[in-house]
């Protein structure tokens, strides 16, 4: 059992599709399809890496 307090379950999760050193072209990203139930694909930067991600509902993609 953990002593770390837990909060309410999140409404959404972030689904990662790809990690690359070269950011994807904006037009190609806009034309790509993610999960039907999720938001638009977007890029998160982490140092020199680019992650292609999508916000998705936790109720459908969580535990």
N, C-alpha and C. Protein backbone atom coordinates (compact mmCIF):
# COMPACT_ATOMS: atom_id res chain seq x y z
N UNK A 1 0.84 -1.17 0.00
CA UNK A 1 0.00 0.00 0.00
C UNK A 1 0.89 1.24 0.00
N UNK A 2 0.49 2.25 -0.74
CA UNK A 2 1.27 3.46 -0.87
C UNK A 2 0.75 4.55 0.06
N UNK A 3 1.67 5.35 0.58
CA UNK A 3 1.30 6.50 1.40
C UNK A 3 1.09 7.75 0.57
N UNK A 4 1.28 7.64 -0.73
CA UNK A 4 1.11 8.78 -1.62
C UNK A 4 -0.38 9.04 -1.80
N UNK A 5 -0.83 10.27 -1.50
CA UNK A 5 -2.25 10.56 -1.68
C UNK A 5 -2.64 10.50 -3.15
N UNK A 6 -3.82 10.03 -3.40
CA UNK A 6 -4.32 9.98 -4.77
C UNK A 6 -5.47 10.96 -4.91
N UNK A 7 -5.59 11.49 -6.10
CA UNK A 7 -6.67 12.43 -6.38
C UNK A 7 -7.71 11.76 -7.24
N UNK A 8 -8.62 12.54 -7.75
CA UNK A 8 -9.64 11.98 -8.63
C UNK A 8 -9.02 11.47 -9.93
N UNK A 9 -9.69 10.53 -10.56
CA UNK A 9 -9.22 10.01 -11.84
C UNK A 9 -9.23 11.14 -12.88
N UNK A 10 -8.24 11.18 -13.76
CA UNK A 10 -8.22 12.23 -14.78
C UNK A 10 -9.32 12.03 -15.82
N UNK A 11 -9.77 13.13 -16.40
CA UNK A 11 -10.78 13.05 -17.47
C UNK A 11 -10.15 12.59 -18.77
N UNK A 12 -8.88 12.89 -18.95
CA UNK A 12 -8.22 12.55 -20.20
C UNK A 12 -6.81 12.04 -19.99
N UNK A 13 -6.32 11.36 -20.99
CA UNK A 13 -4.96 10.83 -21.01
C UNK A 13 -4.28 11.33 -22.27
N UNK A 14 -2.98 11.19 -22.31
CA UNK A 14 -2.22 11.53 -23.51
C UNK A 14 -1.66 10.24 -24.09
N UNK A 15 -2.02 9.96 -25.33
CA UNK A 15 -1.56 8.77 -26.04
C UNK A 15 -0.39 9.18 -26.94
N UNK A 16 0.75 8.51 -26.80
CA UNK A 16 1.93 8.82 -27.63
C UNK A 16 1.99 7.84 -28.80
N UNK A 17 2.15 8.36 -30.00
CA UNK A 17 2.21 7.55 -31.21
C UNK A 17 3.63 7.39 -31.73
N UNK A 18 4.46 8.41 -31.57
CA UNK A 18 5.81 8.36 -32.15
C UNK A 18 6.75 9.28 -31.38
N UNK A 19 8.02 8.91 -31.39
CA UNK A 19 9.09 9.75 -30.85
C UNK A 19 10.13 9.88 -31.96
N UNK A 20 10.50 11.11 -32.28
CA UNK A 20 11.42 11.35 -33.38
C UNK A 20 12.33 12.53 -33.06
N UNK A 21 13.47 12.58 -33.71
CA UNK A 21 14.36 13.73 -33.55
C UNK A 21 13.98 14.85 -34.52
N UNK A 22 13.25 14.51 -35.57
CA UNK A 22 12.82 15.49 -36.56
C UNK A 22 11.32 15.73 -36.40
N UNK A 23 10.90 16.94 -36.06
CA UNK A 23 9.47 17.20 -35.90
C UNK A 23 8.72 16.94 -37.20
N UNK A 24 7.52 16.37 -37.12
CA UNK A 24 6.75 16.12 -38.34
C UNK A 24 6.27 17.43 -38.97
N UNK A 25 6.08 17.38 -40.27
CA UNK A 25 5.53 18.50 -41.02
C UNK A 25 4.11 18.78 -40.53
N UNK A 26 3.79 20.05 -40.35
CA UNK A 26 2.46 20.42 -39.84
C UNK A 26 1.32 19.92 -40.70
N UNK A 27 1.46 19.99 -42.02
CA UNK A 27 0.39 19.53 -42.92
C UNK A 27 0.23 18.01 -42.82
N UNK A 28 1.34 17.30 -42.72
CA UNK A 28 1.26 15.84 -42.59
C UNK A 28 0.62 15.46 -41.26
N UNK A 29 0.94 16.19 -40.22
CA UNK A 29 0.36 15.91 -38.91
C UNK A 29 -1.15 16.17 -38.93
N UNK A 30 -1.57 17.26 -39.56
CA UNK A 30 -2.99 17.58 -39.64
C UNK A 30 -3.76 16.55 -40.46
N UNK A 31 -3.11 15.94 -41.45
CA UNK A 31 -3.77 14.96 -42.30
C UNK A 31 -3.80 13.56 -41.68
N UNK A 32 -2.96 13.32 -40.67
CA UNK A 32 -2.89 11.99 -40.05
C UNK A 32 -4.07 11.79 -39.10
N UNK A 33 -4.53 10.56 -39.05
CA UNK A 33 -5.65 10.22 -38.16
C UNK A 33 -5.12 9.56 -36.89
N UNK A 34 -5.65 9.98 -35.78
CA UNK A 34 -5.35 9.33 -34.50
C UNK A 34 -6.55 8.48 -34.12
N UNK A 35 -6.78 8.36 -32.83
CA UNK A 35 -7.96 7.63 -32.36
C UNK A 35 -9.20 8.47 -32.65
N UNK A 36 -10.23 7.84 -33.12
CA UNK A 36 -11.46 8.55 -33.49
C UNK A 36 -12.04 9.35 -32.33
N UNK A 37 -11.91 8.82 -31.12
CA UNK A 37 -12.50 9.45 -29.94
C UNK A 37 -11.63 10.57 -29.36
N UNK A 38 -10.43 10.76 -29.90
CA UNK A 38 -9.50 11.72 -29.32
C UNK A 38 -9.48 13.05 -30.04
N UNK A 39 -8.65 13.93 -29.51
CA UNK A 39 -8.48 15.25 -30.10
C UNK A 39 -7.49 15.20 -31.26
N UNK A 40 -7.12 16.35 -31.77
CA UNK A 40 -6.17 16.39 -32.89
C UNK A 40 -4.78 15.94 -32.44
N UNK A 41 -4.02 15.40 -33.38
CA UNK A 41 -2.63 15.05 -33.09
C UNK A 41 -1.85 16.34 -32.89
N UNK A 42 -0.87 16.29 -32.01
CA UNK A 42 -0.03 17.46 -31.74
C UNK A 42 1.37 16.99 -31.41
N UNK A 43 2.29 17.92 -31.35
CA UNK A 43 3.69 17.60 -31.06
C UNK A 43 4.06 18.16 -29.70
N UNK A 44 4.67 17.33 -28.87
CA UNK A 44 5.26 17.77 -27.61
C UNK A 44 6.77 17.70 -27.78
N UNK A 45 7.46 18.74 -27.33
CA UNK A 45 8.92 18.75 -27.42
C UNK A 45 9.49 18.34 -26.06
N UNK A 46 10.51 17.51 -26.10
CA UNK A 46 11.22 17.09 -24.90
C UNK A 46 12.71 17.14 -25.23
N UNK A 47 13.33 18.26 -24.99
CA UNK A 47 14.73 18.44 -25.37
C UNK A 47 14.85 18.39 -26.88
N UNK A 48 15.66 17.47 -27.38
CA UNK A 48 15.85 17.34 -28.83
C UNK A 48 14.86 16.38 -29.48
N UNK A 49 13.94 15.85 -28.69
CA UNK A 49 12.97 14.89 -29.22
C UNK A 49 11.61 15.54 -29.44
N UNK A 50 10.88 15.02 -30.40
CA UNK A 50 9.50 15.43 -30.67
C UNK A 50 8.61 14.20 -30.50
N UNK A 51 7.55 14.34 -29.74
CA UNK A 51 6.60 13.25 -29.54
C UNK A 51 5.30 13.61 -30.23
N UNK A 52 4.76 12.71 -31.03
CA UNK A 52 3.45 12.89 -31.65
C UNK A 52 2.45 12.29 -30.68
N UNK A 53 1.54 13.12 -30.17
CA UNK A 53 0.61 12.69 -29.13
C UNK A 53 -0.82 13.13 -29.47
N UNK A 54 -1.75 12.57 -28.70
CA UNK A 54 -3.16 12.91 -28.85
C UNK A 54 -3.82 12.80 -27.48
N UNK A 55 -4.67 13.77 -27.14
CA UNK A 55 -5.47 13.68 -25.93
C UNK A 55 -6.63 12.73 -26.20
N UNK A 56 -6.85 11.79 -25.27
CA UNK A 56 -7.93 10.81 -25.43
C UNK A 56 -8.71 10.73 -24.12
N UNK A 57 -9.98 10.33 -24.16
CA UNK A 57 -10.77 10.23 -22.93
C UNK A 57 -10.30 9.06 -22.06
N UNK A 58 -10.08 9.33 -20.79
CA UNK A 58 -9.61 8.30 -19.86
C UNK A 58 -10.63 7.17 -19.73
N UNK A 59 -11.90 7.49 -19.84
CA UNK A 59 -12.94 6.46 -19.69
C UNK A 59 -12.80 5.36 -20.74
N UNK A 60 -12.29 5.70 -21.91
CA UNK A 60 -12.15 4.71 -22.98
C UNK A 60 -10.76 4.09 -23.05
N UNK A 61 -9.73 4.80 -22.59
CA UNK A 61 -8.37 4.34 -22.77
C UNK A 61 -7.62 4.10 -21.46
N UNK A 62 -8.27 4.33 -20.33
CA UNK A 62 -7.63 4.09 -19.04
C UNK A 62 -7.70 2.62 -18.67
N UNK A 63 -7.40 2.33 -17.45
CA UNK A 63 -7.40 0.95 -16.96
C UNK A 63 -8.66 0.31 -17.30
